[in-house]
Full PDB file with SEQRES, HELIX, SHEET, SSBOND, CRYST1, ORIGX, SCALE, CONECT and MASTER records, all heavy atoms in Angstrom:
SEQRES   1 A   42  ALA LYS GLY PHE ASP ILE LEU ALA ASP LEU ARG PRO ASP          
SEQRES   2 A   42  GLU ILE GLN VAL GLY ILE LEU LYS ARG LEU LYS GLY ALA          
SEQRES   3 A   42  PRO ILE SER ARG HIS ASP LYS GLU TRP GLU MET VAL TYR          
SEQRES   4 A   42  SER GLU HIS                                                  
HELIX    1 AA1 LYS A    2  ASP A    9  1                                   8    
HELIX    2 AA2 PRO A   27  HIS A   31  5                                   5    
CRYST1    1.000    1.000    1.000  90.00  90.00  90.00 P 1           1          
ORIGX1      1.000000  0.000000  0.000000        0.00000                         
ORIGX2      0.000000  1.000000  0.000000        0.00000                         
ORIGX3      0.000000  0.000000  1.000000        0.00000                         
SCALE1      1.000000  0.000000  0.000000        0.00000                         
SCALE2      0.000000  1.000000  0.000000        0.00000                         
SCALE3      0.000000  0.000000  1.000000        0.00000                         
ATOM      1  N   ALA A   1      49.253 139.403  91.642  1.00  0.00           N  
ATOM      2  CA  ALA A   1      48.022 140.337  91.275  1.00  0.00           C  
ATOM      3  C   ALA A   1      47.890 141.362  92.188  1.00  0.00           C  
ATOM      4  O   ALA A   1      47.496 142.550  91.848  1.00  0.00           O  
ATOM      5  CB  ALA A   1      46.783 139.390  91.280  1.00  0.00           C  
ATOM      6  N   LYS A   2      47.981 141.142  93.538  1.00  0.00           N  
ATOM      7  CA  LYS A   2      47.785 142.198  94.506  1.00  0.00           C  
ATOM      8  C   LYS A   2      48.859 143.261  94.313  1.00  0.00           C  
ATOM      9  O   LYS A   2      48.524 144.587  94.380  1.00  0.00           O  
ATOM     10  CB  LYS A   2      47.942 141.569  95.920  1.00  0.00           C  
ATOM     11  CG  LYS A   2      46.800 140.679  96.306  1.00  0.00           C  
ATOM     12  CD  LYS A   2      47.012 140.077  97.733  1.00  0.00           C  
ATOM     13  CE  LYS A   2      45.848 139.104  98.129  1.00  0.00           C  
ATOM     14  NZ  LYS A   2      46.091 138.485  99.470  1.00  0.00           N  
ATOM     15  N   GLY A   3      50.112 142.881  94.109  1.00  0.00           N  
ATOM     16  CA  GLY A   3      51.122 143.895  93.920  1.00  0.00           C  
ATOM     17  C   GLY A   3      50.867 144.822  92.608  1.00  0.00           C  
ATOM     18  O   GLY A   3      51.113 145.940  92.699  1.00  0.00           O  
ATOM     19  N   PHE A   4      50.430 144.090  91.535  1.00  0.00           N  
ATOM     20  CA  PHE A   4      50.094 144.776  90.313  1.00  0.00           C  
ATOM     21  C   PHE A   4      49.025 145.754  90.516  1.00  0.00           C  
ATOM     22  O   PHE A   4      49.159 146.924  90.119  1.00  0.00           O  
ATOM     23  CB  PHE A   4      49.669 143.656  89.242  1.00  0.00           C  
ATOM     24  CG  PHE A   4      49.434 144.288  87.863  1.00  0.00           C  
ATOM     25  CD1 PHE A   4      50.415 144.304  86.894  1.00  0.00           C  
ATOM     26  CD2 PHE A   4      48.150 144.846  87.656  1.00  0.00           C  
ATOM     27  CE1 PHE A   4      50.051 144.832  85.643  1.00  0.00           C  
ATOM     28  CE2 PHE A   4      47.849 145.350  86.416  1.00  0.00           C  
ATOM     29  CZ  PHE A   4      48.795 145.360  85.429  1.00  0.00           C  
ATOM     30  N   ASP A   5      48.028 145.333  91.274  1.00  0.00           N  
ATOM     31  CA  ASP A   5      46.919 146.363  91.462  1.00  0.00           C  
ATOM     32  C   ASP A   5      47.382 147.550  92.362  1.00  0.00           C  
ATOM     33  O   ASP A   5      46.871 148.693  92.177  1.00  0.00           O  
ATOM     34  CB  ASP A   5      45.812 145.675  92.179  1.00  0.00           C  
ATOM     35  CG  ASP A   5      44.985 144.639  91.338  1.00  0.00           C  
ATOM     36  OD1 ASP A   5      44.920 144.834  90.121  1.00  0.00           O  
ATOM     37  OD2 ASP A   5      44.250 143.704  91.851  1.00  0.00           O  
ATOM     38  N   ILE A   6      48.118 147.209  93.418  1.00  0.00           N  
ATOM     39  CA  ILE A   6      48.656 148.414  94.170  1.00  0.00           C  
ATOM     40  C   ILE A   6      49.524 149.344  93.259  1.00  0.00           C  
ATOM     41  O   ILE A   6      49.310 150.611  93.232  1.00  0.00           O  
ATOM     42  CB  ILE A   6      49.654 147.819  95.268  1.00  0.00           C  
ATOM     43  CG1 ILE A   6      48.751 147.036  96.395  1.00  0.00           C  
ATOM     44  CG2 ILE A   6      50.341 149.058  96.011  1.00  0.00           C  
ATOM     45  CD1 ILE A   6      49.447 146.277  97.320  1.00  0.00           C  
ATOM     46  N   LEU A   7      50.347 148.773  92.496  1.00  0.00           N  
ATOM     47  CA  LEU A   7      51.224 149.615  91.629  1.00  0.00           C  
ATOM     48  C   LEU A   7      50.293 150.337  90.625  1.00  0.00           C  
ATOM     49  O   LEU A   7      50.702 151.525  90.335  1.00  0.00           O  
ATOM     50  CB  LEU A   7      52.289 148.763  90.868  1.00  0.00           C  
ATOM     51  CG  LEU A   7      53.257 149.377  90.011  1.00  0.00           C  
ATOM     52  CD1 LEU A   7      54.101 150.459  90.846  1.00  0.00           C  
ATOM     53  CD2 LEU A   7      54.244 148.465  89.443  1.00  0.00           C  
ATOM     54  N   ALA A   8      49.465 149.679  89.947  1.00  0.00           N  
ATOM     55  CA  ALA A   8      48.607 150.354  89.048  1.00  0.00           C  
ATOM     56  C   ALA A   8      47.846 151.539  89.490  1.00  0.00           C  
ATOM     57  O   ALA A   8      47.674 152.597  88.930  1.00  0.00           O  
ATOM     58  CB  ALA A   8      47.576 149.383  88.385  1.00  0.00           C  
ATOM     59  N   ASP A   9      47.398 151.429  90.785  1.00  0.00           N  
ATOM     60  CA  ASP A   9      46.721 152.538  91.436  1.00  0.00           C  
ATOM     61  C   ASP A   9      47.675 153.680  91.673  1.00  0.00           C  
ATOM     62  O   ASP A   9      47.158 154.828  92.034  1.00  0.00           O  
ATOM     63  CB  ASP A   9      46.074 152.104  92.823  1.00  0.00           C  
ATOM     64  CG  ASP A   9      44.821 151.234  92.609  1.00  0.00           C  
ATOM     65  OD1 ASP A   9      44.288 151.406  91.484  1.00  0.00           O  
ATOM     66  OD2 ASP A   9      44.491 150.541  93.563  1.00  0.00           O  
ATOM     67  N   LEU A  10      48.973 153.539  91.693  1.00  0.00           N  
ATOM     68  CA  LEU A  10      49.866 154.582  91.845  1.00  0.00           C  
ATOM     69  C   LEU A  10      50.175 155.346  90.573  1.00  0.00           C  
ATOM     70  O   LEU A  10      50.973 156.306  90.475  1.00  0.00           O  
ATOM     71  CB  LEU A  10      51.209 154.018  92.391  1.00  0.00           C  
ATOM     72  CG  LEU A  10      51.076 153.456  93.825  1.00  0.00           C  
ATOM     73  CD1 LEU A  10      52.419 152.868  94.308  1.00  0.00           C  
ATOM     74  CD2 LEU A  10      50.584 154.496  94.745  1.00  0.00           C  
ATOM     75  N   ARG A  11      49.537 154.864  89.552  1.00  0.00           N  
ATOM     76  CA  ARG A  11      49.648 155.504  88.226  1.00  0.00           C  
ATOM     77  C   ARG A  11      50.893 155.826  87.555  1.00  0.00           C  
ATOM     78  O   ARG A  11      51.113 156.851  86.961  1.00  0.00           O  
ATOM     79  CB  ARG A  11      48.832 156.934  88.236  1.00  0.00           C  
ATOM     80  CG  ARG A  11      47.286 156.656  88.509  1.00  0.00           C  
ATOM     81  CD  ARG A  11      46.624 157.961  88.657  1.00  0.00           C  
ATOM     82  NE  ARG A  11      47.022 158.770  89.754  1.00  0.00           N  
ATOM     83  CZ  ARG A  11      46.993 160.071  89.848  1.00  0.00           C  
ATOM     84  NH1 ARG A  11      46.604 160.844  88.836  1.00  0.00           N  
ATOM     85  NH2 ARG A  11      47.423 160.705  90.986  1.00  0.00           N  
ATOM     86  N   PRO A  12      51.721 154.738  87.452  1.00  0.00           N  
ATOM     87  CA  PRO A  12      52.920 154.959  86.689  1.00  0.00           C  
ATOM     88  C   PRO A  12      52.617 154.930  85.235  1.00  0.00           C  
ATOM     89  O   PRO A  12      51.460 154.394  84.840  1.00  0.00           O  
ATOM     90  CB  PRO A  12      53.809 153.701  86.940  1.00  0.00           C  
ATOM     91  CG  PRO A  12      52.814 152.706  87.389  1.00  0.00           C  
ATOM     92  CD  PRO A  12      51.683 153.420  88.121  1.00  0.00           C  
ATOM     93  N   ASP A  13      53.325 155.660  84.433  1.00  0.00           N  
ATOM     94  CA  ASP A  13      52.993 155.542  82.913  1.00  0.00           C  
ATOM     95  C   ASP A  13      53.119 154.275  82.238  1.00  0.00           C  
ATOM     96  O   ASP A  13      52.375 154.017  81.248  1.00  0.00           O  
ATOM     97  CB  ASP A  13      53.903 156.537  82.232  1.00  0.00           C  
ATOM     98  CG  ASP A  13      53.578 158.084  82.635  1.00  0.00           C  
ATOM     99  OD1 ASP A  13      52.468 158.561  82.385  1.00  0.00           O  
ATOM    100  OD2 ASP A  13      54.422 158.555  83.422  1.00  0.00           O  
ATOM    101  N   GLU A  14      53.922 153.461  82.677  1.00  0.00           N  
ATOM    102  CA  GLU A  14      54.175 152.130  82.207  1.00  0.00           C  
ATOM    103  C   GLU A  14      54.419 151.071  83.278  1.00  0.00           C  
ATOM    104  O   GLU A  14      55.047 151.541  84.194  1.00  0.00           O  
ATOM    105  CB  GLU A  14      55.250 152.022  81.251  1.00  0.00           C  
ATOM    106  CG  GLU A  14      55.144 152.732  79.970  1.00  0.00           C  
ATOM    107  CD  GLU A  14      56.356 152.574  78.971  1.00  0.00           C  
ATOM    108  OE1 GLU A  14      56.968 151.499  79.084  1.00  0.00           O  
ATOM    109  OE2 GLU A  14      56.744 153.553  78.319  1.00  0.00           O  
ATOM    110  N   ILE A  15      53.845 150.013  83.221  1.00  0.00           N  
ATOM    111  CA  ILE A  15      54.303 148.851  84.187  1.00  0.00           C  
ATOM    112  C   ILE A  15      55.001 147.713  83.298  1.00  0.00           C  
ATOM    113  O   ILE A  15      54.333 147.205  82.449  1.00  0.00           O  
ATOM    114  CB  ILE A  15      53.117 148.339  84.943  1.00  0.00           C  
ATOM    115  CG1 ILE A  15      52.476 149.355  85.796  1.00  0.00           C  
ATOM    116  CG2 ILE A  15      53.506 147.203  85.760  1.00  0.00           C  
ATOM    117  CD1 ILE A  15      51.186 148.897  86.569  1.00  0.00           C  
ATOM    118  N   GLN A  16      56.204 147.477  83.504  1.00  0.00           N  
ATOM    119  CA  GLN A  16      56.822 146.492  82.751  1.00  0.00           C  
ATOM    120  C   GLN A  16      56.800 145.170  83.539  1.00  0.00           C  
ATOM    121  O   GLN A  16      57.317 145.056  84.504  1.00  0.00           O  
ATOM    122  CB  GLN A  16      58.386 146.795  82.579  1.00  0.00           C  
ATOM    123  CG  GLN A  16      59.114 145.862  81.677  1.00  0.00           C  
ATOM    124  CD  GLN A  16      58.715 145.899  80.277  1.00  0.00           C  
ATOM    125  OE1 GLN A  16      58.466 146.941  79.612  1.00  0.00           O  
ATOM    126  NE2 GLN A  16      58.305 144.765  79.591  1.00  0.00           N  
ATOM    127  N   VAL A  17      55.998 144.265  82.929  1.00  0.00           N  
ATOM    128  CA  VAL A  17      55.894 142.818  83.592  1.00  0.00           C  
ATOM    129  C   VAL A  17      56.916 141.995  82.940  1.00  0.00           C  
ATOM    130  O   VAL A  17      56.900 141.639  81.801  1.00  0.00           O  
ATOM    131  CB  VAL A  17      54.477 142.394  83.215  1.00  0.00           C  
ATOM    132  CG1 VAL A  17      54.372 140.836  83.945  1.00  0.00           C  
ATOM    133  CG2 VAL A  17      53.351 143.280  83.846  1.00  0.00           C  
ATOM    134  N   GLY A  18      57.944 141.702  83.708  1.00  0.00           N  
ATOM    135  CA  GLY A  18      59.087 140.987  83.155  1.00  0.00           C  
ATOM    136  C   GLY A  18      59.068 139.564  83.841  1.00  0.00           C  
ATOM    137  O   GLY A  18      58.645 139.379  84.947  1.00  0.00           O  
ATOM    138  N   ILE A  19      59.381 138.556  83.002  1.00  0.00           N  
ATOM    139  CA  ILE A  19      59.520 137.147  83.540  1.00  0.00           C  
ATOM    140  C   ILE A  19      60.839 136.946  83.950  1.00  0.00           C  
ATOM    141  O   ILE A  19      61.879 137.240  83.331  1.00  0.00           O  
ATOM    142  CB  ILE A  19      59.198 136.149  82.347  1.00  0.00           C  
ATOM    143  CG1 ILE A  19      57.752 136.581  81.682  1.00  0.00           C  
ATOM    144  CG2 ILE A  19      59.029 134.780  82.898  1.00  0.00           C  
ATOM    145  CD1 ILE A  19      56.676 136.517  82.548  1.00  0.00           C  
ATOM    146  N   LEU A  20      61.006 136.348  85.129  1.00  0.00           N  
ATOM    147  CA  LEU A  20      62.282 136.152  85.830  1.00  0.00           C  
ATOM    148  C   LEU A  20      63.263 135.351  84.912  1.00  0.00           C  
ATOM    149  O   LEU A  20      62.786 134.472  84.227  1.00  0.00           O  
ATOM    150  CB  LEU A  20      62.164 135.351  87.139  1.00  0.00           C  
ATOM    151  CG  LEU A  20      63.344 134.943  87.801  1.00  0.00           C  
ATOM    152  CD1 LEU A  20      64.195 136.300  88.347  1.00  0.00           C  
ATOM    153  CD2 LEU A  20      63.030 133.988  88.989  1.00  0.00           C  
ATOM    154  N   LYS A  21      64.480 135.863  84.825  1.00  0.00           N  
ATOM    155  CA  LYS A  21      65.494 135.233  83.892  1.00  0.00           C  
ATOM    156  C   LYS A  21      66.651 134.797  84.928  1.00  0.00           C  
ATOM    157  O   LYS A  21      66.940 135.486  85.851  1.00  0.00           O  
ATOM    158  CB  LYS A  21      66.033 136.112  82.914  1.00  0.00           C  
ATOM    159  CG  LYS A  21      64.996 136.475  81.908  1.00  0.00           C  
ATOM    160  CD  LYS A  21      65.466 137.680  80.890  1.00  0.00           C  
ATOM    161  CE  LYS A  21      64.321 138.003  79.969  1.00  0.00           C  
ATOM    162  NZ  LYS A  21      63.313 138.682  80.649  1.00  0.00           N  
ATOM    163  N   ARG A  22      67.211 133.641  84.633  1.00  0.00           N  
ATOM    164  CA  ARG A  22      68.388 133.227  85.394  1.00  0.00           C  
ATOM    165  C   ARG A  22      69.633 133.750  84.831  1.00  0.00           C  
ATOM    166  O   ARG A  22      70.235 133.178  83.839  1.00  0.00           O  
ATOM    167  CB  ARG A  22      68.525 131.763  85.516  1.00  0.00           C  
ATOM    168  CG  ARG A  22      69.567 131.180  86.462  1.00  0.00           C  
ATOM    169  CD  ARG A  22      69.750 129.704  86.406  1.00  0.00           C  
ATOM    170  NE  ARG A  22      70.822 129.242  87.145  1.00  0.00           N  
ATOM    171  CZ  ARG A  22      72.209 129.331  86.827  1.00  0.00           C  
ATOM    172  NH1 ARG A  22      72.539 129.989  85.769  1.00  0.00           N  
ATOM    173  NH2 ARG A  22      73.188 128.985  87.630  1.00  0.00           N  
ATOM    174  N   LEU A  23      70.191 134.761  85.358  1.00  0.00           N  
ATOM    175  CA  LEU A  23      71.378 135.330  84.909  1.00  0.00           C  
ATOM    176  C   LEU A  23      72.554 134.584  85.448  1.00  0.00           C  
ATOM    177  O   LEU A  23      72.557 134.330  86.625  1.00  0.00           O  
ATOM    178  CB  LEU A  23      71.481 136.823  85.339  1.00  0.00           C  
ATOM    179  CG  LEU A  23      70.425 137.757  84.829  1.00  0.00           C  
ATOM    180  CD1 LEU A  23      70.602 139.155  85.306  1.00  0.00           C  
ATOM    181  CD2 LEU A  23      70.277 137.646  83.278  1.00  0.00           C  
ATOM    182  N   LYS A  24      73.543 134.220  84.692  1.00  0.00           N  
ATOM    183  CA  LYS A  24      74.615 133.435  85.130  1.00  0.00           C  
ATOM    184  C   LYS A  24      75.359 134.145  86.236  1.00  0.00           C  
ATOM    185  O   LYS A  24      75.833 135.271  86.108  1.00  0.00           O  
ATOM    186  CB  LYS A  24      75.571 133.054  83.976  1.00  0.00           C  
ATOM    187  CG  LYS A  24      75.024 131.968  83.061  1.00  0.00           C  
ATOM    188  CD  LYS A  24      75.969 131.700  81.919  1.00  0.00           C  
ATOM    189  CE  LYS A  24      75.374 130.633  81.003  1.00  0.00           C  
ATOM    190  NZ  LYS A  24      74.192 131.059  80.393  1.00  0.00           N  
ATOM    191  N   GLY A  25      75.549 133.420  87.465  1.00  0.00           N  
ATOM    192  CA  GLY A  25      76.291 134.097  88.512  1.00  0.00           C  
ATOM    193  C   GLY A  25      75.460 134.779  89.537  1.00  0.00           C  
ATOM    194  O   GLY A  25      75.740 134.984  90.660  1.00  0.00           O  
ATOM    195  N   ALA A  26      74.171 134.963  89.195  1.00  0.00           N  
ATOM    196  CA  ALA A  26      73.245 135.677  90.130  1.00  0.00           C  
ATOM    197  C   ALA A  26      72.952 134.785  91.365  1.00  0.00           C  
ATOM    198  O   ALA A  26      72.609 133.580  91.168  1.00  0.00           O  
ATOM    199  CB  ALA A  26      72.042 136.070  89.359  1.00  0.00           C  
ATOM    200  N   PRO A  27      72.963 135.242  92.435  1.00  0.00           N  
ATOM    201  CA  PRO A  27      72.817 134.500  93.634  1.00  0.00           C  
ATOM    202  C   PRO A  27      71.268 133.808  93.890  1.00  0.00           C  
ATOM    203  O   PRO A  27      71.139 132.954  94.717  1.00  0.00           O  
ATOM    204  CB  PRO A  27      72.978 135.479  94.853  1.00  0.00           C  
ATOM    205  CG  PRO A  27      73.650 136.694  94.261  1.00  0.00           C  
ATOM    206  CD  PRO A  27      73.285 136.681  92.864  1.00  0.00           C  
ATOM    207  N   ILE A  28      70.404 134.235  93.046  1.00  0.00           N  
ATOM    208  CA  ILE A  28      69.027 133.741  93.195  1.00  0.00           C  
ATOM    209  C   ILE A  28      68.977 132.102  93.072  1.00  0.00           C  
ATOM    210  O   ILE A  28      68.020 131.432  93.369  1.00  0.00           O  
ATOM    211  CB  ILE A  28      68.066 134.374  92.114  1.00  0.00           C  
ATOM    212  CG1 ILE A  28      66.674 134.130  92.681  1.00  0.00           C  
ATOM    213  CG2 ILE A  28      68.365 133.809  90.769  1.00  0.00           C  
ATOM    214  CD1 ILE A  28      65.623 134.930  91.990  1.00  0.00           C  
ATOM    215  N   SER A  29      70.046 131.687  92.432  1.00  0.00           N  
ATOM    216  CA  SER A  29      70.195 130.159  92.182  1.00  0.00           C  
ATOM    217  C   SER A  29      70.151 129.393  93.476  1.00  0.00           C  
ATOM    218  O   SER A  29      69.767 128.248  93.520  1.00  0.00           O  
ATOM    219  CB  SER A  29      71.460 129.807  91.432  1.00  0.00           C  
ATOM    220  OG  SER A  29      72.576 130.206  92.124  1.00  0.00           O  
ATOM    221  N   ARG A  30      70.413 130.146  94.590  1.00  0.00           N  
ATOM    222  CA  ARG A  30      70.440 129.296  95.814  1.00  0.00           C  
ATOM    223  C   ARG A  30      68.923 128.852  96.281  1.00  0.00           C  
ATOM    224  O   ARG A  30      68.918 128.026  97.228  1.00  0.00           O  
ATOM    225  CB  ARG A  30      71.023 130.215  97.029  1.00  0.00           C  
ATOM    226  CG  ARG A  30      70.072 131.360  97.442  1.00  0.00           C  
ATOM    227  CD  ARG A  30      70.944 132.294  98.343  1.00  0.00           C  
ATOM    228  NE  ARG A  30      70.064 133.398  98.925  1.00  0.00           N  
ATOM    229  CZ  ARG A  30      69.374 133.300 100.086  1.00  0.00           C  
ATOM    230  NH1 ARG A  30      69.287 132.173 100.805  1.00  0.00           N  
ATOM    231  NH2 ARG A  30      68.558 134.367 100.401  1.00  0.00           N  
ATOM    232  N   HIS A  31      67.945 129.505  95.656  1.00  0.00           N  
ATOM    233  CA  HIS A  31      66.681 129.272  95.931  1.00  0.00           C  
ATOM    234  C   HIS A  31      66.038 127.892  95.083  1.00  0.00           C  
ATOM    235  O   HIS A  31      64.942 127.521  95.226  1.00  0.00           O  
ATOM    236  CB  HIS A  31      65.629 130.399  95.756  1.00  0.00           C  
ATOM    237  CG  HIS A  31      66.014 131.467  96.665  1.00  0.00           C  
ATOM    238  ND1 HIS A  31      65.858 131.396  98.047  1.00  0.00           N  
ATOM    239  CD2 HIS A  31      66.629 132.698  96.473  1.00  0.00           C  
ATOM    240  CE1 HIS A  31      66.219 132.537  98.555  1.00  0.00           C  
ATOM    241  NE2 HIS A  31      66.662 133.365  97.576  1.00  0.00           N  
ATOM    242  N   ASP A  32      66.886 127.566  94.276  1.00  0.00           N  
ATOM    243  CA  ASP A  32      66.387 126.599  93.096  1.00  0.00           C  
ATOM    244  C   ASP A  32      65.669 125.303  93.724  1.00  0.00           C  
ATOM    245  O   ASP A  32      64.665 124.924  93.314  1.00  0.00           O  
ATOM    246  CB  ASP A  32      67.476 126.159  92.201  1.00  0.00           C  
ATOM    247  CG  ASP A  32      67.840 127.290  91.275  1.00  0.00           C  
ATOM    248  OD1 ASP A  32      67.276 128.283  91.168  1.00  0.00           O  
ATOM    249  OD2 ASP A  32      68.916 127.088  90.436  1.00  0.00           O  
ATOM    250  N   LYS A  33      66.320 124.729  94.775  1.00  0.00           N  
ATOM    251  CA  LYS A  33      65.930 123.407  95.336  1.00  0.00           C  
ATOM    252  C   LYS A  33      64.672 123.723  96.247  1.00  0.00           C  
ATOM    253  O   LYS A  33      63.640 123.071  95.955  1.00  0.00           O  
ATOM    254  CB  LYS A  33      67.014 122.714  96.127  1.00  0.00           C  
ATOM    255  CG  LYS A  33      66.520 121.428  96.636  1.00  0.00           C  
ATOM    256  CD  LYS A  33      67.689 120.769  97.326  1.00  0.00           C  
ATOM    257  CE  LYS A  33      67.287 119.353  97.903  1.00  0.00           C  
ATOM    258  NZ  LYS A  33      68.400 118.667  98.623  1.00  0.00           N  
ATOM    259  N   GLU A  34      64.743 124.670  97.076  1.00  0.00           N  
ATOM    260  CA  GLU A  34      63.622 124.900  97.989  1.00  0.00           C  
ATOM    261  C   GLU A  34      62.370 125.295  97.240  1.00  0.00           C  
ATOM    262  O   GLU A  34      61.301 124.844  97.646  1.00  0.00           O  
ATOM    263  CB  GLU A  34      64.034 125.839  99.141  1.00  0.00           C  
ATOM    264  CG  GLU A  34      62.839 126.141 100.089  1.00  0.00           C  
ATOM    265  CD  GLU A  34      63.276 127.209 101.128  1.00  0.00           C  
ATOM    266  OE1 GLU A  34      64.371 127.784 101.018  1.00  0.00           O  
ATOM    267  OE2 GLU A  34      62.331 127.528 101.927  1.00  0.00           O  
ATOM    268  N   TRP A  35      62.467 126.228  96.299  1.00  0.00           N  
ATOM    269  CA  TRP A  35      61.343 126.717  95.627  1.00  0.00           C  
ATOM    270  C   TRP A  35      61.087 126.161  94.372  1.00  0.00           C  
ATOM    271  O   TRP A  35      60.229 126.573  93.532  1.00  0.00           O  
ATOM    272  CB  TRP A  35      61.400 128.221  95.650  1.00  0.00           C  
ATOM    273  CG  TRP A  35      61.419 128.820  96.953  1.00  0.00           C  
ATOM    274  CD1 TRP A  35      62.361 129.367  97.679  1.00  0.00           C  
ATOM    275  CD2 TRP A  35      60.166 129.059  97.627  1.00  0.00           C  
ATOM    276  NE1 TRP A  35      61.961 129.802  98.892  1.00  0.00           N  
ATOM    277  CE2 TRP A  35      60.654 129.681  99.049  1.00  0.00           C  
ATOM    278  CE3 TRP A  35      58.797 128.820  97.595  1.00  0.00           C  
ATOM    279  CZ2 TRP A  35      59.763 129.961  99.936  1.00  0.00           C  
ATOM    280  CZ3 TRP A  35      57.931 129.125  98.538  1.00  0.00           C  
ATOM    281  CH2 TRP A  35      58.525 129.709  99.800  1.00  0.00           C  
ATOM    282  N   GLU A  36      61.727 124.982  94.013  1.00  0.00           N  
ATOM    283  CA  GLU A  36      61.519 124.240  92.846  1.00  0.00           C  
ATOM    284  C   GLU A  36      61.626 125.110  91.466  1.00  0.00           C  
ATOM    285  O   GLU A  36      60.744 125.166  90.762  1.00  0.00           O  
ATOM    286  CB  GLU A  36      60.263 123.463  92.863  1.00  0.00           C  
ATOM    287  CG  GLU A  36      60.130 122.543  94.102  1.00  0.00           C  
ATOM    288  CD  GLU A  36      58.841 121.889  94.234  1.00  0.00           C  
ATOM    289  OE1 GLU A  36      57.936 121.886  93.400  1.00  0.00           O  
ATOM    290  OE2 GLU A  36      58.497 121.272  95.389  1.00  0.00           O  
ATOM    291  N   MET A  37      62.656 125.935  91.448  1.00  0.00           N  
ATOM    292  CA  MET A  37      62.894 126.845  90.327  1.00  0.00           C  
ATOM    293  C   MET A  37      63.261 126.089  89.205  1.00  0.00           C  
ATOM    294  O   MET A  37      64.539 125.620  89.146  1.00  0.00           O  
ATOM    295  CB  MET A  37      63.769 127.960  90.746  1.00  0.00           C  
ATOM    296  CG  MET A  37      63.392 128.644  92.133  1.00  0.00           C  
ATOM    297  SD  MET A  37      61.967 129.676  92.158  1.00  0.00           S  
ATOM    298  CE  MET A  37      62.601 131.160  91.313  1.00  0.00           C  
ATOM    299  N   VAL A  38      62.694 126.127  88.063  1.00  0.00           N  
ATOM    300  CA  VAL A  38      63.099 125.428  86.872  1.00  0.00           C  
ATOM    301  C   VAL A  38      63.179 126.345  85.668  1.00  0.00           C  
ATOM    302  O   VAL A  38      62.120 127.066  85.348  1.00  0.00           O  
ATOM    303  CB  VAL A  38      62.077 124.284  86.459  1.00  0.00           C  
ATOM    304  CG1 VAL A  38      62.542 123.656  85.174  1.00  0.00           C  
ATOM    305  CG2 VAL A  38      62.048 123.235  87.508  1.00  0.00           C  
ATOM    306  N   TYR A  39      64.292 126.522  85.072  1.00  0.00           N  
ATOM    307  CA  TYR A  39      64.457 127.619  84.040  1.00  0.00           C  
ATOM    308  C   TYR A  39      64.775 126.884  82.763  1.00  0.00           C  
ATOM    309  O   TYR A  39      65.208 125.776  82.683  1.00  0.00           O  
ATOM    310  CB  TYR A  39      65.755 128.465  84.332  1.00  0.00           C  
ATOM    311  CG  TYR A  39      65.683 129.354  85.632  1.00  0.00           C  
ATOM    312  CD1 TYR A  39      65.964 128.754  86.816  1.00  0.00           C  
ATOM    313  CD2 TYR A  39      65.146 130.579  85.608  1.00  0.00           C  
ATOM    314  CE1 TYR A  39      66.075 129.396  87.962  1.00  0.00           C  
ATOM    315  CE2 TYR A  39      65.267 131.253  86.800  1.00  0.00           C  
ATOM    316  CZ  TYR A  39      65.542 130.709  87.987  1.00  0.00           C  
ATOM    317  OH  TYR A  39      65.605 131.471  89.258  1.00  0.00           O  
ATOM    318  N   SER A  40      64.554 127.652  81.619  1.00  0.00           N  
ATOM    319  CA  SER A  40      64.872 127.196  80.300  1.00  0.00           C  
ATOM    320  C   SER A  40      66.327 127.115  80.246  1.00  0.00           C  
ATOM    321  O   SER A  40      67.110 127.880  80.821  1.00  0.00           O  
ATOM    322  CB  SER A  40      64.311 128.148  79.184  1.00  0.00           C  
ATOM    323  OG  SER A  40      64.840 127.861  77.978  1.00  0.00           O  
ATOM    324  N   GLU A  41      66.819 126.123  79.525  1.00  0.00           N  
ATOM    325  CA  GLU A  41      68.300 125.890  79.287  1.00  0.00           C  
ATOM    326  C   GLU A  41      68.700 126.814  78.159  1.00  0.00           C  
ATOM    327  O   GLU A  41      70.056 126.839  77.928  1.00  0.00           O  
ATOM    328  CB  GLU A  41      68.584 124.443  78.899  1.00  0.00           C  
ATOM    329  CG  GLU A  41      68.312 123.434  80.074  1.00  0.00           C  
ATOM    330  CD  GLU A  41      68.687 122.033  79.653  1.00  0.00           C  
ATOM    331  OE1 GLU A  41      68.878 121.798  78.471  1.00  0.00           O  
ATOM    332  OE2 GLU A  41      68.887 121.171  80.592  1.00  0.00           O  
ATOM    333  N   HIS A  42      67.934 127.540  77.489  1.00  0.00           N  
ATOM    334  CA  HIS A  42      68.303 128.303  76.376  1.00  0.00           C  
ATOM    335  C   HIS A  42      68.046 129.727  76.657  1.00  0.00           C  
ATOM    336  O   HIS A  42      67.127 130.109  77.315  1.00  0.00           O  
ATOM    337  CB  HIS A  42      67.641 127.841  75.108  1.00  0.00           C  
ATOM    338  CG  HIS A  42      67.720 126.406  74.794  1.00  0.00           C  
ATOM    339  ND1 HIS A  42      68.886 125.883  74.306  1.00  0.00           N  
ATOM    340  CD2 HIS A  42      66.871 125.338  75.019  1.00  0.00           C  
ATOM    341  CE1 HIS A  42      68.761 124.529  74.144  1.00  0.00           C  
ATOM    342  NE2 HIS A  42      67.597 124.163  74.552  1.00  0.00           N  
TER     343      HIS A  42                                                      
MASTER        0    0    0    2    0    0    0    6  342    1    0    4          
END                                                                             
């Protein structure tokens, strides 16, 4: 929310709010255990 408000005050024409996706091969998978990251299987 804080980041959204900061960005909105900078007046971009659009703010794309994206939900994190697990792309196959992306290194973010290394955080799965520590941060309890659970993704859809589909």
